[in-house]
Amino acid sequence: MPSKPIKSCNKYVLSYKDSSNNTRQLGFYARDAYDCLMLAREFNSHLHDHPGSVIRIQQKF
């Protein structure tokens, strides 16, 4: 994924359920929600293996 200056990105919080059914949250700077999901899948093995465990992706202001 090409790097972008942080000024062109927004902060997103991704919520997901882990294997114990606990809600977890990750924060990323991304261009959009899809970018956030792709970053989360790249850096979190659970999300890579279980992309359906994502509950919400919310932009923070």
PDB file of N, CA and C in Angstrom:
ATOM      1  N   MET A   1       0.860  -1.168   0.000  1.00  0.00           N
ATOM      2  CA  MET A   1       0.000   0.000   0.000  1.00  0.00           C
ATOM      3  C   MET A   1       0.907   1.232   0.000  1.00  0.00           C
ATOM      4  N   PRO A   2       0.713   2.158  -0.925  1.00  0.00           N
ATOM      5  CA  PRO A   2       1.560   3.345  -0.950  1.00  0.00           C
ATOM      6  C   PRO A   2       1.303   4.220   0.264  1.00  0.00           C
ATOM      7  N   SER A   3       2.361   4.813   0.764  1.00  0.00           N
ATOM      8  CA  SER A   3       2.195   5.667   1.941  1.00  0.00           C
ATOM      9  C   SER A   3       1.674   7.035   1.522  1.00  0.00           C
ATOM     10  N   LYS A   4       0.840   7.607   2.373  1.00  0.00           N
ATOM     11  CA  LYS A   4       0.256   8.927   2.149  1.00  0.00           C
ATOM     12  C   LYS A   4       0.628   9.809   3.329  1.00  0.00           C
ATOM     13  N   PRO A   5       0.770  11.101   3.110  1.00  0.00           N
ATOM     14  CA  PRO A   5       1.007  11.995   4.249  1.00  0.00           C
ATOM     15  C   PRO A   5      -0.168  11.909   5.230  1.00  0.00           C
ATOM     16  N   ILE A   6       0.126  11.982   6.500  1.00  0.00           N
ATOM     17  CA  ILE A   6      -0.911  11.817   7.512  1.00  0.00           C
ATOM     18  C   ILE A   6      -1.994  12.892   7.393  1.00  0.00           C
ATOM     19  N   LYS A   7      -1.668  14.050   6.812  1.00  0.00           N
ATOM     20  CA  LYS A   7      -2.669  15.103   6.645  1.00  0.00           C
ATOM     21  C   LYS A   7      -3.788  14.682   5.704  1.00  0.00           C
ATOM     22  N   SER A   8      -3.506  13.763   4.795  1.00  0.00           N
ATOM     23  CA  SER A   8      -4.532  13.322   3.851  1.00  0.00           C
ATOM     24  C   SER A   8      -5.346  12.146   4.401  1.00  0.00           C
ATOM     25  N   CYS A   9      -5.079  11.753   5.642  1.00  0.00           N
ATOM     26  CA  CYS A   9      -5.771  10.615   6.253  1.00  0.00           C
ATOM     27  C   CYS A   9      -6.646  11.079   7.418  1.00  0.00           C
ATOM     28  N   ASN A  10      -7.610  10.252   7.752  1.00  0.00           N
ATOM     29  CA  ASN A  10      -8.480  10.493   8.901  1.00  0.00           C
ATOM     30  C   ASN A  10      -8.294   9.358   9.901  1.00  0.00           C
ATOM     31  N   LYS A  11      -8.649   9.616  11.155  1.00  0.00           N
ATOM     32  CA  LYS A  11      -8.548   8.586  12.175  1.00  0.00           C
ATOM     33  C   LYS A  11      -9.825   7.749  12.169  1.00  0.00           C
ATOM     34  N   TYR A  12      -9.640   6.428  12.192  1.00  0.00           N
ATOM     35  CA  TYR A  12     -10.752   5.482  12.240  1.00  0.00           C
ATOM     36  C   TYR A  12     -10.555   4.529  13.404  1.00  0.00           C
ATOM     37  N   VAL A  13     -11.667   4.113  13.993  1.00  0.00           N
ATOM     38  CA  VAL A  13     -11.645   3.092  15.036  1.00  0.00           C
ATOM     39  C   VAL A  13     -12.430   1.899  14.507  1.00  0.00           C
ATOM     40  N   LEU A  14     -11.777   0.747  14.478  1.00  0.00           N
ATOM     41  CA  LEU A  14     -12.391  -0.484  14.010  1.00  0.00           C
ATOM     42  C   LEU A  14     -12.717  -1.345  15.226  1.00  0.00           C
ATOM     43  N   SER A  15     -13.966  -1.776  15.351  1.00  0.00           N
ATOM     44  CA  SER A  15     -14.395  -2.648  16.446  1.00  0.00           C
ATOM     45  C   SER A  15     -14.656  -4.036  15.883  1.00  0.00           C
ATOM     46  N   TYR A  16     -14.244  -5.055  16.638  1.00  0.00           N
ATOM     47  CA  TYR A  16     -14.460  -6.434  16.204  1.00  0.00           C
ATOM     48  C   TYR A  16     -14.611  -7.353  17.410  1.00  0.00           C
ATOM     49  N   LYS A  17     -15.135  -8.539  17.170  1.00  0.00           N
ATOM     50  CA  LYS A  17     -15.261  -9.564  18.213  1.00  0.00           C
ATOM     51  C   LYS A  17     -14.104 -10.543  18.072  1.00  0.00           C
ATOM     52  N   ASP A  18     -13.409 -10.798  19.184  1.00  0.00           N
ATOM     53  CA  ASP A  18     -12.308 -11.757  19.147  1.00  0.00           C
ATOM     54  C   ASP A  18     -12.838 -13.176  19.307  1.00  0.00           C
ATOM     55  N   SER A  19     -11.949 -14.145  19.379  1.00  0.00           N
ATOM     56  CA  SER A  19     -12.363 -15.548  19.439  1.00  0.00           C
ATOM     57  C   SER A  19     -13.102 -15.891  20.734  1.00  0.00           C
ATOM     58  N   SER A  20     -12.962 -15.068  21.771  1.00  0.00           N
ATOM     59  CA  SER A  20     -13.688 -15.264  23.035  1.00  0.00           C
ATOM     60  C   SER A  20     -14.961 -14.443  23.086  1.00  0.00           C
ATOM     61  N   ASN A  21     -15.341 -13.846  21.962  1.00  0.00           N
ATOM     62  CA  ASN A  21     -16.537 -13.021  21.823  1.00  0.00           C
ATOM     63  C   ASN A  21     -16.459 -11.712  22.614  1.00  0.00           C
ATOM     64  N   ASN A  22     -15.234 -11.263  22.907  1.00  0.00           N
ATOM     65  CA  ASN A  22     -15.026  -9.964  23.538  1.00  0.00           C
ATOM     66  C   ASN A  22     -14.874  -8.909  22.448  1.00  0.00           C
ATOM     67  N   THR A  23     -15.382  -7.713  22.698  1.00  0.00           N
ATOM     68  CA  THR A  23     -15.246  -6.628  21.737  1.00  0.00           C
ATOM     69  C   THR A  23     -13.886  -5.973  21.910  1.00  0.00           C
ATOM     70  N   ARG A  24     -13.179  -5.821  20.808  1.00  0.00           N
ATOM     71  CA  ARG A  24     -11.861  -5.181  20.777  1.00  0.00           C
ATOM     72  C   ARG A  24     -11.911  -4.000  19.819  1.00  0.00           C
ATOM     73  N   GLN A  25     -11.006  -3.051  20.013  1.00  0.00           N
ATOM     74  CA  GLN A  25     -10.943  -1.894  19.132  1.00  0.00           C
ATOM     75  C   GLN A  25      -9.501  -1.636  18.715  1.00  0.00           C
ATOM     76  N   LEU A  26      -9.360  -1.208  17.463  1.00  0.00           N
ATOM     77  CA  LEU A  26      -8.066  -0.818  16.915  1.00  0.00           C
ATOM     78  C   LEU A  26      -8.212   0.553  16.281  1.00  0.00           C
ATOM     79  N   GLY A  27      -7.195   1.374  16.377  1.00  0.00           N
ATOM     80  CA  GLY A  27      -7.215   2.685  15.746  1.00  0.00           C
ATOM     81  C   GLY A  27      -6.209   2.761  14.613  1.00  0.00           C
ATOM     82  N   PHE A  28      -6.615   3.367  13.506  1.00  0.00           N
ATOM     83  CA  PHE A  28      -5.749   3.534  12.345  1.00  0.00           C
ATOM     84  C   PHE A  28      -5.974   4.898  11.723  1.00  0.00           C
ATOM     85  N   TYR A  29      -4.938   5.431  11.096  1.00  0.00           N
ATOM     86  CA  TYR A  29      -5.087   6.571  10.213  1.00  0.00           C
ATOM     87  C   TYR A  29      -5.176   6.006   8.806  1.00  0.00           C
ATOM     88  N   ALA A  30      -6.270   6.339   8.113  1.00  0.00           N
ATOM     89  CA  ALA A  30      -6.508   5.786   6.787  1.00  0.00           C
ATOM     90  C   ALA A  30      -7.244   6.805   5.926  1.00  0.00           C
ATOM     91  N   ARG A  31      -7.247   6.552   4.611  1.00  0.00           N
ATOM     92  CA  ARG A  31      -7.947   7.454   3.681  1.00  0.00           C
ATOM     93  C   ARG A  31      -9.456   7.294   3.770  1.00  0.00           C
ATOM     94  N   ASP A  32      -9.914   6.054   4.003  1.00  0.00           N
ATOM     95  CA  ASP A  32     -11.347   5.779   4.109  1.00  0.00           C
ATOM     96  C   ASP A  32     -11.548   4.501   4.915  1.00  0.00           C
ATOM     97  N   ALA A  33     -12.809   4.113   5.123  1.00  0.00           N
ATOM     98  CA  ALA A  33     -13.117   2.953   5.960  1.00  0.00           C
ATOM     99  C   ALA A  33     -12.560   1.661   5.350  1.00  0.00           C
ATOM    100  N   TYR A  34     -12.605   1.558   4.025  1.00  0.00           N
ATOM    101  CA  TYR A  34     -12.075   0.357   3.373  1.00  0.00           C
ATOM    102  C   TYR A  34     -10.572   0.241   3.609  1.00  0.00           C
ATOM    103  N   ASP A  35      -9.862   1.347   3.504  1.00  0.00           N
ATOM    104  CA  ASP A  35      -8.433   1.371   3.790  1.00  0.00           C
ATOM    105  C   ASP A  35      -8.169   0.930   5.228  1.00  0.00           C
ATOM    106  N   CYS A  36      -8.994   1.400   6.137  1.00  0.00           N
ATOM    107  CA  CYS A  36      -8.873   1.021   7.549  1.00  0.00           C
ATOM    108  C   CYS A  36      -9.002  -0.489   7.705  1.00  0.00           C
ATOM    109  N   LEU A  37      -9.992  -1.062   7.040  1.00  0.00           N
ATOM    110  CA  LEU A  37     -10.186  -2.514   7.103  1.00  0.00           C
ATOM    111  C   LEU A  37      -8.985  -3.264   6.544  1.00  0.00           C
ATOM    112  N   MET A  38      -8.454  -2.811   5.431  1.00  0.00           N
ATOM    113  CA  MET A  38      -7.293  -3.475   4.830  1.00  0.00           C
ATOM    114  C   MET A  38      -6.073  -3.387   5.737  1.00  0.00           C
ATOM    115  N   LEU A  39      -5.866  -2.239   6.376  1.00  0.00           N
ATOM    116  CA  LEU A  39      -4.759  -2.102   7.327  1.00  0.00           C
ATOM    117  C   LEU A  39      -4.941  -3.028   8.521  1.00  0.00           C
ATOM    118  N   ALA A  40      -6.160  -3.084   9.041  1.00  0.00           N
ATOM    119  CA  ALA A  40      -6.438  -3.947  10.188  1.00  0.00           C
ATOM    120  C   ALA A  40      -6.178  -5.408   9.835  1.00  0.00           C
ATOM    121  N   ARG A  41      -6.601  -5.825   8.656  1.00  0.00           N
ATOM    122  CA  ARG A  41      -6.380  -7.215   8.233  1.00  0.00           C
ATOM    123  C   ARG A  41      -4.895  -7.507   8.055  1.00  0.00           C
ATOM    124  N   GLU A  42      -4.123  -6.503   7.647  1.00  0.00           N
ATOM    125  CA  GLU A  42      -2.691  -6.685   7.448  1.00  0.00           C
ATOM    126  C   GLU A  42      -1.956  -6.834   8.783  1.00  0.00           C
ATOM    127  N   PHE A  43      -2.389  -6.085   9.796  1.00  0.00           N
ATOM    128  CA  PHE A  43      -1.671  -6.054  11.066  1.00  0.00           C
ATOM    129  C   PHE A  43      -2.268  -6.937  12.164  1.00  0.00           C
ATOM    130  N   ASN A  44      -3.437  -7.530  11.931  1.00  0.00           N
ATOM    131  CA  ASN A  44      -4.084  -8.344  12.959  1.00  0.00           C
ATOM    132  C   ASN A  44      -4.446  -9.688  12.353  1.00  0.00           C
ATOM    133  N   SER A  45      -3.824 -10.756  12.842  1.00  0.00           N
ATOM    134  CA  SER A  45      -4.033 -12.078  12.253  1.00  0.00           C
ATOM    135  C   SER A  45      -5.463 -12.580  12.448  1.00  0.00           C
ATOM    136  N   HIS A  46      -6.102 -12.231  13.554  1.00  0.00           N
ATOM    137  CA  HIS A  46      -7.489 -12.651  13.762  1.00  0.00           C
ATOM    138  C   HIS A  46      -8.396 -12.042  12.695  1.00  0.00           C
ATOM    139  N   LEU A  47      -8.225 -10.749  12.414  1.00  0.00           N
ATOM    140  CA  LEU A  47      -9.039 -10.091  11.400  1.00  0.00           C
ATOM    141  C   LEU A  47      -8.714 -10.610   9.995  1.00  0.00           C
ATOM    142  N   HIS A  48      -7.465 -10.975   9.786  1.00  0.00           N
ATOM    143  CA  HIS A  48      -7.092 -11.545   8.488  1.00  0.00           C
ATOM    144  C   HIS A  48      -7.835 -12.855   8.261  1.00  0.00           C
ATOM    145  N   ASP A  49      -7.897 -13.679   9.314  1.00  0.00           N
ATOM    146  CA  ASP A  49      -8.541 -14.994   9.202  1.00  0.00           C
ATOM    147  C   ASP A  49     -10.057 -14.927   9.350  1.00  0.00           C
ATOM    148  N   HIS A  50     -10.581 -13.897  10.030  1.00  0.00           N
ATOM    149  CA  HIS A  50     -12.016 -13.772  10.302  1.00  0.00           C
ATOM    150  C   HIS A  50     -12.517 -12.365   9.973  1.00  0.00           C
ATOM    151  N   PRO A  51     -12.528 -11.971   8.701  1.00  0.00           N
ATOM    152  CA  PRO A  51     -12.946 -10.598   8.369  1.00  0.00           C
ATOM    153  C   PRO A  51     -14.404 -10.316   8.720  1.00  0.00           C
ATOM    154  N   GLY A  52     -15.218 -11.355   8.894  1.00  0.00           N
ATOM    155  CA  GLY A  52     -16.618 -11.168   9.272  1.00  0.00           C
ATOM    156  C   GLY A  52     -16.809 -10.809  10.735  1.00  0.00           C
ATOM    157  N   SER A  53     -15.727 -10.797  11.515  1.00  0.00           N
ATOM    158  CA  SER A  53     -15.845 -10.462  12.937  1.00  0.00           C
ATOM    159  C   SER A  53     -15.875  -8.949  13.171  1.00  0.00           C
ATOM    160  N   VAL A  54     -15.683  -8.160  12.115  1.00  0.00           N
ATOM    161  CA  VAL A  54     -15.725  -6.690  12.247  1.00  0.00           C
ATOM    162  C   VAL A  54     -17.160  -6.256  12.513  1.00  0.00           C
ATOM    163  N   ILE A  55     -17.331  -5.457  13.551  1.00  0.00           N
ATOM    164  CA  ILE A  55     -18.652  -4.959  13.939  1.00  0.00           C
ATOM    165  C   ILE A  55     -18.897  -3.576  13.346  1.00  0.00           C
ATOM    166  N   ARG A  56     -17.866  -2.705  13.440  1.00  0.00           N
ATOM    167  CA  ARG A  56     -18.054  -1.308  13.047  1.00  0.00           C
ATOM    168  C   ARG A  56     -16.711  -0.683  12.700  1.00  0.00           C
ATOM    169  N   ILE A  57     -16.762   0.241  11.753  1.00  0.00           N
ATOM    170  CA  ILE A  57     -15.623   1.104  11.455  1.00  0.00           C
ATOM    171  C   ILE A  57     -16.173   2.520  11.529  1.00  0.00           C
ATOM    172  N   GLN A  58     -15.613   3.291  12.454  1.00  0.00           N
ATOM    173  CA  GLN A  58     -16.143   4.621  12.722  1.00  0.00           C
ATOM    174  C   GLN A  58     -15.036   5.666  12.566  1.00  0.00           C
ATOM    175  N   GLN A  59     -15.337   6.725  11.821  1.00  0.00           N
ATOM    176  CA  GLN A  59     -14.384   7.819  11.679  1.00  0.00           C
ATOM    177  C   GLN A  59     -14.460   8.697  12.917  1.00  0.00           C
ATOM    178  N   LYS A  60     -13.309   9.069  13.442  1.00  0.00           N
ATOM    179  CA  LYS A  60     -13.242   9.949  14.609  1.00  0.00           C
ATOM    180  C   LYS A  60     -12.884  11.354  14.155  1.00  0.00           C
ATOM    181  N   PHE A  61     -13.507  12.339  14.776  1.00  0.00           N
ATOM    182  CA  PHE A  61     -13.260  13.734  14.419  1.00  0.00           C
ATOM    183  C   PHE A  61     -12.516  14.442  15.513  1.00  0.00           C
TER     184      PHE A  61
END
